């Protein structure tokens, strides 16, 4: 069975954006892709609702079973005015945005489980797979009850989708990445593909490199600040939430010292 949903399409579009923005010749193609995807979502009440519900559930944390169950039910009930045929028809509009290049299988499974519940809630009783519904509900419930760090990607950060936001999204992404030097691009490529262990190694590499370059600073106006800067670098905490920000800070500082 082919899996189609807004969340999966969003993952594919975001992944394509991340990759193509490191290739200057593909910037226009990436802008067109993001525009097309967001325009399709914006022009469909059902897909916009699906976008919002997937985002709600993905980022929600509720530790108590009953409250979490009510939250899931409340989101699923938002689709009670639609039919399964309408859902399938609207999903056909985003089919072309989906490819096999999805790196986050956990998110893909969560999105699939949410759509299974939504589909089950608006399908004929005799067509419902009870075991599938149970497995999907359990997957969603476990996700909501788990502690999580909200990670917003390029497309997910826009709750109200309209033409102005589409333009802002593209322009802001351009401002941030189009003028990056090769060292900047190289670092971001490493971070995108790195797991936590690899990020720790990158952090240690930049920390050592930056501390060594600080020792070579000879301008008198900076000498009084060297000790303070070295202390702050050595006090940087290594944890999953801060490590990328710390690596980028060290990279920027190191670049200014060279």
C-alpha atoms as a PDB file:
ATOM      1  CA  UNK A   1       0.000   0.000   0.000  1.00  0.00           C
ATOM      2  CA  UNK A   2       1.392   3.381  -1.043  1.00  0.00           C
ATOM      3  CA  UNK A   3       1.853   5.789   1.874  1.00  0.00           C
ATOM      4  CA  UNK A   4       0.736   9.362   1.183  1.00  0.00           C
ATOM      5  CA  UNK A   5       0.327  12.129   3.746  1.00  0.00           C
ATOM      6  CA  UNK A   6       1.283  15.761   4.284  1.00  0.00           C
ATOM      7  CA  UNK A   7       3.931  14.911   6.886  1.00  0.00           C
ATOM      8  CA  UNK A   8       5.772  12.513   4.588  1.00  0.00           C
ATOM      9  CA  UNK A   9       5.595  14.988   1.695  1.00  0.00           C
ATOM     10  CA  UNK A  10       6.925  17.680   4.029  1.00  0.00           C
ATOM     11  CA  UNK A  11       9.876  15.474   5.007  1.00  0.00           C
ATOM     12  CA  UNK A  12      10.711  14.847   1.354  1.00  0.00           C
ATOM     13  CA  UNK A  13      10.470  18.525   0.386  1.00  0.00           C
ATOM     14  CA  UNK A  14      12.550  19.640   3.375  1.00  0.00           C
ATOM     15  CA  UNK A  15      15.200  17.012   2.681  1.00  0.00           C
ATOM     16  CA  UNK A  16      15.384  18.091  -0.971  1.00  0.00           C
ATOM     17  CA  UNK A  17      15.750  21.740   0.102  1.00  0.00           C
ATOM     18  CA  UNK A  18      18.606  20.938   2.469  1.00  0.00           C
ATOM     19  CA  UNK A  19      20.503  19.054  -0.206  1.00  0.00           C
ATOM     20  CA  UNK A  20      19.958  21.339  -3.190  1.00  0.00           C
ATOM     21  CA  UNK A  21      20.828  24.542  -1.345  1.00  0.00           C
ATOM     22  CA  UNK A  22      24.436  23.397  -1.305  1.00  0.00           C
ATOM     23  CA  UNK A  23      24.381  23.444  -5.092  1.00  0.00           C
ATOM     24  CA  UNK A  24      24.008  27.015  -6.354  1.00  0.00           C
ATOM     25  CA  UNK A  25      22.724  25.839  -9.739  1.00  0.00           C
ATOM     26  CA  UNK A  26      19.683  24.226  -8.072  1.00  0.00           C
ATOM     27  CA  UNK A  27      18.550  27.163  -5.911  1.00  0.00           C
ATOM     28  CA  UNK A  28      15.744  28.175  -8.286  1.00  0.00           C
ATOM     29  CA  UNK A  29      14.560  24.583  -8.524  1.00  0.00           C
ATOM     30  CA  UNK A  30      14.382  24.367  -4.721  1.00  0.00           C
ATOM     31  CA  UNK A  31      12.453  27.628  -4.454  1.00  0.00           C
ATOM     32  CA  UNK A  32       9.937  26.391  -7.018  1.00  0.00           C
ATOM     33  CA  UNK A  33       9.556  23.076  -5.189  1.00  0.00           C
ATOM     34  CA  UNK A  34       8.839  24.771  -1.836  1.00  0.00           C
ATOM     35  CA  UNK A  35       6.449  27.225  -3.480  1.00  0.00           C
ATOM     36  CA  UNK A  36       4.525  24.477  -5.243  1.00  0.00           C
ATOM     37  CA  UNK A  37       4.210  22.351  -2.104  1.00  0.00           C
ATOM     38  CA  UNK A  38       3.080  25.171   0.180  1.00  0.00           C
ATOM     39  CA  UNK A  39       0.645  26.440  -2.456  1.00  0.00           C
ATOM     40  CA  UNK A  40      -0.998  23.017  -2.712  1.00  0.00           C
ATOM     41  CA  UNK A  41      -1.379  22.843   1.081  1.00  0.00           C
ATOM     42  CA  UNK A  42      -2.640  26.427   1.314  1.00  0.00           C
ATOM     43  CA  UNK A  43      -5.339  25.833  -1.295  1.00  0.00           C
ATOM     44  CA  UNK A  44      -6.750  22.714   0.360  1.00  0.00           C
ATOM     45  CA  UNK A  45      -8.717  23.020   3.619  1.00  0.00           C
ATOM     46  CA  UNK A  46      -8.317  19.301   4.262  1.00  0.00           C
ATOM     47  CA  UNK A  47      -4.545  19.245   3.665  1.00  0.00           C
ATOM     48  CA  UNK A  48      -4.102  22.403   5.754  1.00  0.00           C
ATOM     49  CA  UNK A  49      -6.020  20.717   8.574  1.00  0.00           C
ATOM     50  CA  UNK A  50      -3.924  17.571   8.199  1.00  0.00           C
ATOM     51  CA  UNK A  51      -0.748  19.688   8.296  1.00  0.00           C
ATOM     52  CA  UNK A  52      -1.909  21.306  11.546  1.00  0.00           C
ATOM     53  CA  UNK A  53      -2.999  18.042  13.209  1.00  0.00           C
ATOM     54  CA  UNK A  54       0.235  16.226  12.349  1.00  0.00           C
ATOM     55  CA  UNK A  55       2.195  19.159  13.741  1.00  0.00           C
ATOM     56  CA  UNK A  56       0.011  19.234  16.890  1.00  0.00           C
ATOM     57  CA  UNK A  57       0.545  15.564  17.686  1.00  0.00           C
ATOM     58  CA  UNK A  58       4.215  15.466  16.721  1.00  0.00           C
ATOM     59  CA  UNK A  59       5.164  18.292  19.080  1.00  0.00           C
ATOM     60  CA  UNK A  60       2.792  17.545  21.979  1.00  0.00           C
ATOM     61  CA  UNK A  61       3.895  16.007  25.267  1.00  0.00           C
ATOM     62  CA  UNK A  62       1.271  14.683  27.713  1.00  0.00           C
ATOM     63  CA  UNK A  63       2.399  12.155  30.299  1.00  0.00           C
ATOM     64  CA  UNK A  64      -1.014  11.007  31.554  1.00  0.00           C
ATOM     65  CA  UNK A  65      -2.781   8.294  29.496  1.00  0.00           C
ATOM     66  CA  UNK A  66      -6.342   9.602  29.708  1.00  0.00           C
ATOM     67  CA  UNK A  67      -5.409  13.201  28.841  1.00  0.00           C
ATOM     68  CA  UNK A  68      -3.193  12.029  25.982  1.00  0.00           C
ATOM     69  CA  UNK A  69      -5.978   9.820  24.629  1.00  0.00           C
ATOM     70  CA  UNK A  70      -8.453  12.710  24.730  1.00  0.00           C
ATOM     71  CA  UNK A  71      -5.965  14.913  22.896  1.00  0.00           C
ATOM     72  CA  UNK A  72      -5.543  12.333  20.135  1.00  0.00           C
ATOM     73  CA  UNK A  73      -9.315  11.876  19.817  1.00  0.00           C
ATOM     74  CA  UNK A  74      -9.913  15.647  19.692  1.00  0.00           C
ATOM     75  CA  UNK A  75      -7.506  16.025  16.789  1.00  0.00           C
ATOM     76  CA  UNK A  76      -8.890  13.046  14.870  1.00  0.00           C
ATOM     77  CA  UNK A  77     -12.487  14.288  15.300  1.00  0.00           C
ATOM     78  CA  UNK A  78     -11.612  17.429  13.361  1.00  0.00           C
ATOM     79  CA  UNK A  79     -11.915  15.308  10.196  1.00  0.00           C
ATOM     80  CA  UNK A  80     -15.439  14.032  10.884  1.00  0.00           C
ATOM     81  CA  UNK A  81     -16.950  16.343   8.246  1.00  0.00           C
ATOM     82  CA  UNK A  82     -14.828  14.743   5.495  1.00  0.00           C
ATOM     83  CA  UNK A  83     -15.129  11.401   3.700  1.00  0.00           C
ATOM     84  CA  UNK A  84     -12.428   8.842   2.954  1.00  0.00           C
ATOM     85  CA  UNK A  85     -12.845   9.594  -0.763  1.00  0.00           C
ATOM     86  CA  UNK A  86     -12.163  13.281  -0.135  1.00  0.00           C
ATOM     87  CA  UNK A  87      -9.064  12.403   1.904  1.00  0.00           C
ATOM     88  CA  UNK A  88      -7.723  10.130  -0.833  1.00  0.00           C
ATOM     89  CA  UNK A  89      -8.469  12.742  -3.507  1.00  0.00           C
ATOM     90  CA  UNK A  90      -6.581  15.475  -1.635  1.00  0.00           C
ATOM     91  CA  UNK A  91      -3.662  13.124  -0.984  1.00  0.00           C
ATOM     92  CA  UNK A  92      -3.419  12.652  -4.730  1.00  0.00           C
ATOM     93  CA  UNK A  93      -2.405  16.315  -4.989  1.00  0.00           C
ATOM     94  CA  UNK A  94       0.791  15.736  -2.954  1.00  0.00           C
ATOM     95  CA  UNK A  95       1.744  12.352  -4.401  1.00  0.00           C
ATOM     96  CA  UNK A  96       4.413  13.832  -6.667  1.00  0.00           C
ATOM     97  CA  UNK A  97       6.208  15.470  -3.724  1.00  0.00           C
ATOM     98  CA  UNK A  98       6.891  12.099  -2.101  1.00  0.00           C
ATOM     99  CA  UNK A  99       9.937   9.991  -2.905  1.00  0.00           C
ATOM    100  CA  UNK A 100      11.885   7.197  -1.231  1.00  0.00           C
ATOM    101  CA  UNK A 101      14.564   9.566   0.040  1.00  0.00           C
ATOM    102  CA  UNK A 102      13.199   9.848   3.601  1.00  0.00           C
ATOM    103  CA  UNK A 103      15.851   9.671   6.312  1.00  0.00           C
ATOM    104  CA  UNK A 104      13.617   9.952   9.400  1.00  0.00           C
ATOM    105  CA  UNK A 105      11.749   6.656   9.594  1.00  0.00           C
ATOM    106  CA  UNK A 106      10.390   7.395  13.089  1.00  0.00           C
ATOM    107  CA  UNK A 107       8.570  10.503  11.869  1.00  0.00           C
ATOM    108  CA  UNK A 108       7.351   8.653   8.800  1.00  0.00           C
ATOM    109  CA  UNK A 109       5.888   5.923  11.033  1.00  0.00           C
ATOM    110  CA  UNK A 110       4.227   8.502  13.307  1.00  0.00           C
ATOM    111  CA  UNK A 111       2.623  10.316  10.349  1.00  0.00           C
ATOM    112  CA  UNK A 112       1.418   7.023   8.886  1.00  0.00           C
ATOM    113  CA  UNK A 113      -0.126   6.059  12.237  1.00  0.00           C
ATOM    114  CA  UNK A 114      -1.964   9.390  12.499  1.00  0.00           C
ATOM    115  CA  UNK A 115      -3.380   9.007   9.001  1.00  0.00           C
ATOM    116  CA  UNK A 116      -4.454   5.443   9.833  1.00  0.00           C
ATOM    117  CA  UNK A 117      -6.530   6.798  12.736  1.00  0.00           C
ATOM    118  CA  UNK A 118      -7.984   9.587  10.623  1.00  0.00           C
ATOM    119  CA  UNK A 119      -8.833   7.184   7.787  1.00  0.00           C
ATOM    120  CA  UNK A 120     -10.391   4.729  10.222  1.00  0.00           C
ATOM    121  CA  UNK A 121     -12.546   7.455  11.752  1.00  0.00           C
ATOM    122  CA  UNK A 122     -14.141   8.376   8.409  1.00  0.00           C
ATOM    123  CA  UNK A 123     -14.260   4.956   6.714  1.00  0.00           C
ATOM    124  CA  UNK A 124     -17.115   2.450   6.561  1.00  0.00           C
ATOM    125  CA  UNK A 125     -17.140   0.189   9.602  1.00  0.00           C
ATOM    126  CA  UNK A 126     -16.701  -3.010   7.595  1.00  0.00           C
ATOM    127  CA  UNK A 127     -13.498  -1.746   5.960  1.00  0.00           C
ATOM    128  CA  UNK A 128     -11.711  -0.834   9.217  1.00  0.00           C
ATOM    129  CA  UNK A 129      -8.660  -2.906  10.207  1.00  0.00           C
ATOM    130  CA  UNK A 130      -9.038  -3.010  14.008  1.00  0.00           C
ATOM    131  CA  UNK A 131      -5.528  -4.383  14.589  1.00  0.00           C
ATOM    132  CA  UNK A 132      -4.008  -1.627  12.451  1.00  0.00           C
ATOM    133  CA  UNK A 133      -5.992   1.036  14.312  1.00  0.00           C
ATOM    134  CA  UNK A 134      -4.833  -0.370  17.660  1.00  0.00           C
ATOM    135  CA  UNK A 135      -1.166  -0.471  16.575  1.00  0.00           C
ATOM    136  CA  UNK A 136      -1.393   3.062  15.181  1.00  0.00           C
ATOM    137  CA  UNK A 137      -3.030   4.443  18.318  1.00  0.00           C
ATOM    138  CA  UNK A 138      -0.363   2.815  20.506  1.00  0.00           C
ATOM    139  CA  UNK A 139       2.400   4.351  18.363  1.00  0.00           C
ATOM    140  CA  UNK A 140       0.862   7.832  18.687  1.00  0.00           C
ATOM    141  CA  UNK A 141       0.172   7.480  22.404  1.00  0.00           C
ATOM    142  CA  UNK A 142       3.759   6.404  23.112  1.00  0.00           C
ATOM    143  CA  UNK A 143       5.037   9.367  21.095  1.00  0.00           C
ATOM    144  CA  UNK A 144       2.901  11.907  22.940  1.00  0.00           C
ATOM    145  CA  UNK A 145       3.928  10.466  26.324  1.00  0.00           C
ATOM    146  CA  UNK A 146       7.638  10.632  25.476  1.00  0.00           C
ATOM    147  CA  UNK A 147       9.842  13.612  26.318  1.00  0.00           C
ATOM    148  CA  UNK A 148      10.907  15.380  23.172  1.00  0.00           C
ATOM    149  CA  UNK A 149      12.825  18.364  21.861  1.00  0.00           C
ATOM    150  CA  UNK A 150      10.792  20.201  19.240  1.00  0.00           C
ATOM    151  CA  UNK A 151      12.826  20.470  16.059  1.00  0.00           C
ATOM    152  CA  UNK A 152      11.320  22.731  13.455  1.00  0.00           C
ATOM    153  CA  UNK A 153      12.366  22.255   9.849  1.00  0.00           C
ATOM    154  CA  UNK A 154      12.131  24.643   6.934  1.00  0.00           C
ATOM    155  CA  UNK A 155       8.479  23.977   6.105  1.00  0.00           C
ATOM    156  CA  UNK A 156       7.084  22.960   9.523  1.00  0.00           C
ATOM    157  CA  UNK A 157       7.634  26.362  11.121  1.00  0.00           C
ATOM    158  CA  UNK A 158       4.649  28.019   9.418  1.00  0.00           C
ATOM    159  CA  UNK A 159       1.336  27.372  11.175  1.00  0.00           C
ATOM    160  CA  UNK A 160      -0.728  29.740   9.014  1.00  0.00           C
ATOM    161  CA  UNK A 161       0.038  29.036   5.374  1.00  0.00           C
ATOM    162  CA  UNK A 162      -0.503  31.932   2.933  1.00  0.00           C
ATOM    163  CA  UNK A 163       1.306  33.623   0.067  1.00  0.00           C
ATOM    164  CA  UNK A 164       3.110  36.128   2.293  1.00  0.00           C
ATOM    165  CA  UNK A 165       4.512  33.349   4.475  1.00  0.00           C
ATOM    166  CA  UNK A 166       5.615  31.352   1.434  1.00  0.00           C
ATOM    167  CA  UNK A 167       7.579  34.381   0.210  1.00  0.00           C
ATOM    168  CA  UNK A 168       9.076  34.999   3.656  1.00  0.00           C
ATOM    169  CA  UNK A 169      10.068  31.334   4.009  1.00  0.00           C
ATOM    170  CA  UNK A 170      11.924  31.306   0.708  1.00  0.00           C
ATOM    171  CA  UNK A 171      13.546  34.719   1.150  1.00  0.00           C
ATOM    172  CA  UNK A 172      14.717  33.979   4.689  1.00  0.00           C
ATOM    173  CA  UNK A 173      16.204  30.684   3.586  1.00  0.00           C
ATOM    174  CA  UNK A 174      17.987  32.460   0.739  1.00  0.00           C
ATOM    175  CA  UNK A 175      19.351  35.143   3.068  1.00  0.00           C
ATOM    176  CA  UNK A 176      20.712  32.504   5.409  1.00  0.00           C
ATOM    177  CA  UNK A 177      22.347  30.155   2.920  1.00  0.00           C
ATOM    178  CA  UNK A 178      22.939  31.681  -0.501  1.00  0.00           C
ATOM    179  CA  UNK A 179      26.090  33.608   0.489  1.00  0.00           C
ATOM    180  CA  UNK A 180      27.752  30.908   2.557  1.00  0.00           C
ATOM    181  CA  UNK A 181      31.431  30.319   1.911  1.00  0.00           C
ATOM    182  CA  UNK A 182      32.742  26.828   1.191  1.00  0.00           C
ATOM    183  CA  UNK A 183      33.839  26.302   4.834  1.00  0.00           C
ATOM    184  CA  UNK A 184      30.306  27.165   6.000  1.00  0.00           C
ATOM    185  CA  UNK A 185      28.729  24.785   3.497  1.00  0.00           C
ATOM    186  CA  UNK A 186      31.172  22.038   4.408  1.00  0.00           C
ATOM    187  CA  UNK A 187      30.307  22.337   8.106  1.00  0.00           C
ATOM    188  CA  UNK A 188      26.555  22.313   7.501  1.00  0.00           C
ATOM    189  CA  UNK A 189      26.875  19.238   5.291  1.00  0.00           C
ATOM    190  CA  UNK A 190      28.734  17.476   8.117  1.00  0.00           C
ATOM    191  CA  UNK A 191      26.095  18.459  10.680  1.00  0.00           C
ATOM    192  CA  UNK A 192      23.154  17.352   8.542  1.00  0.00           C
ATOM    193  CA  UNK A 193      24.589  13.853   8.126  1.00  0.00           C
ATOM    194  CA  UNK A 194      26.116  13.507  11.608  1.00  0.00           C
ATOM    195  CA  UNK A 195      24.691  11.536  14.493  1.00  0.00           C
ATOM    196  CA  UNK A 196      25.248  12.746  18.072  1.00  0.00           C
ATOM    197  CA  UNK A 197      28.575  10.910  18.434  1.00  0.00           C
ATOM    198  CA  UNK A 198      29.894  12.490  15.230  1.00  0.00           C
ATOM    199  CA  UNK A 199      28.713  15.937  16.394  1.00  0.00           C
ATOM    200  CA  UNK A 200      30.670  15.517  19.633  1.00  0.00           C
ATOM    201  CA  UNK A 201      33.784  14.761  17.576  1.00  0.00           C
ATOM    202  CA  UNK A 202      33.166  17.857  15.419  1.00  0.00           C
ATOM    203  CA  UNK A 203      32.682  19.951  18.561  1.00  0.00           C
ATOM    204  CA  UNK A 204      35.979  18.748  20.055  1.00  0.00           C
ATOM    205  CA  UNK A 205      37.756  19.414  16.751  1.00  0.00           C
ATOM    206  CA  UNK A 206      36.499  23.005  16.559  1.00  0.00           C
ATOM    207  CA  UNK A 207      37.135  23.594  20.246  1.00  0.00           C
ATOM    208  CA  UNK A 208      40.777  22.520  19.913  1.00  0.00           C
ATOM    209  CA  UNK A 209      41.243  24.476  16.707  1.00  0.00           C
ATOM    210  CA  UNK A 210      39.681  27.654  18.118  1.00  0.00           C
ATOM    211  CA  UNK A 211      41.684  27.553  21.352  1.00  0.00           C
ATOM    212  CA  UNK A 212      44.886  27.123  19.322  1.00  0.00           C
ATOM    213  CA  UNK A 213      44.020  30.098  17.089  1.00  0.00           C
ATOM    214  CA  UNK A 214      43.223  32.267  20.112  1.00  0.00           C
ATOM    215  CA  UNK A 215      46.781  31.731  21.339  1.00  0.00           C
ATOM    216  CA  UNK A 216      48.026  33.341  18.122  1.00  0.00           C
ATOM    217  CA  UNK A 217      46.078  36.570  18.633  1.00  0.00           C
ATOM    218  CA  UNK A 218      48.554  39.406  19.047  1.00  0.00           C
ATOM    219  CA  UNK A 219      46.456  42.571  18.687  1.00  0.00           C
ATOM    220  CA  UNK A 220      46.783  44.455  21.971  1.00  0.00           C
ATOM    221  CA  UNK A 221      43.125  45.489  22.081  1.00  0.00           C
ATOM    222  CA  UNK A 222      42.079  41.830  22.272  1.00  0.00           C
ATOM    223  CA  UNK A 223      44.657  40.563  24.759  1.00  0.00           C
ATOM    224  CA  UNK A 224      42.591  41.460  27.831  1.00  0.00           C
ATOM    225  CA  UNK A 225      39.666  39.374  26.545  1.00  0.00           C
ATOM    226  CA  UNK A 226      41.581  36.229  25.596  1.00  0.00           C
ATOM    227  CA  UNK A 227      41.429  34.661  29.048  1.00  0.00           C
ATOM    228  CA  UNK A 228      37.680  35.265  29.316  1.00  0.00           C
ATOM    229  CA  UNK A 229      37.017  33.805  25.838  1.00  0.00           C
ATOM    230  CA  UNK A 230      39.096  30.709  26.604  1.00  0.00           C
ATOM    231  CA  UNK A 231      37.189  30.193  29.842  1.00  0.00           C
ATOM    232  CA  UNK A 232      33.832  30.426  28.075  1.00  0.00           C
ATOM    233  CA  UNK A 233      34.941  27.934  25.423  1.00  0.00           C
ATOM    234  CA  UNK A 234      36.131  25.462  28.037  1.00  0.00           C
ATOM    235  CA  UNK A 235      32.845  25.830  29.918  1.00  0.00           C
ATOM    236  CA  UNK A 236      30.708  24.985  26.871  1.00  0.00           C
ATOM    237  CA  UNK A 237      28.352  22.133  27.784  1.00  0.00           C
ATOM    238  CA  UNK A 238      28.170  19.091  25.534  1.00  0.00           C
ATOM    239  CA  UNK A 239      24.568  17.946  25.216  1.00  0.00           C
ATOM    240  CA  UNK A 240      22.231  17.163  22.348  1.00  0.00           C
ATOM    241  CA  UNK A 241      20.249  20.394  22.578  1.00  0.00           C
ATOM    242  CA  UNK A 242      23.227  22.778  22.566  1.00  0.00           C
ATOM    243  CA  UNK A 243      25.917  20.996  20.603  1.00  0.00           C
ATOM    244  CA  UNK A 244      25.001  22.292  17.129  1.00  0.00           C
ATOM    245  CA  UNK A 245      24.728  25.898  18.360  1.00  0.00           C
ATOM    246  CA  UNK A 246      28.082  25.553  20.116  1.00  0.00           C
ATOM    247  CA  UNK A 247      29.758  24.111  17.022  1.00  0.00           C
ATOM    248  CA  UNK A 248      28.466  26.978  14.879  1.00  0.00           C
ATOM    249  CA  UNK A 249      29.598  29.537  17.477  1.00  0.00           C
ATOM    250  CA  UNK A 250      33.082  28.014  17.536  1.00  0.00           C
ATOM    251  CA  UNK A 251      33.148  27.916  13.736  1.00  0.00           C
ATOM    252  CA  UNK A 252      32.232  31.608  13.467  1.00  0.00           C
ATOM    253  CA  UNK A 253      34.762  32.593  16.130  1.00  0.00           C
ATOM    254  CA  UNK A 254      37.464  30.481  14.508  1.00  0.00           C
ATOM    255  CA  UNK A 255      36.734  32.003  11.092  1.00  0.00           C
ATOM    256  CA  UNK A 256      37.124  35.513  12.510  1.00  0.00           C
ATOM    257  CA  UNK A 257      40.510  34.601  13.975  1.00  0.00           C
ATOM    258  CA  UNK A 258      42.018  33.262  10.768  1.00  0.00           C
END
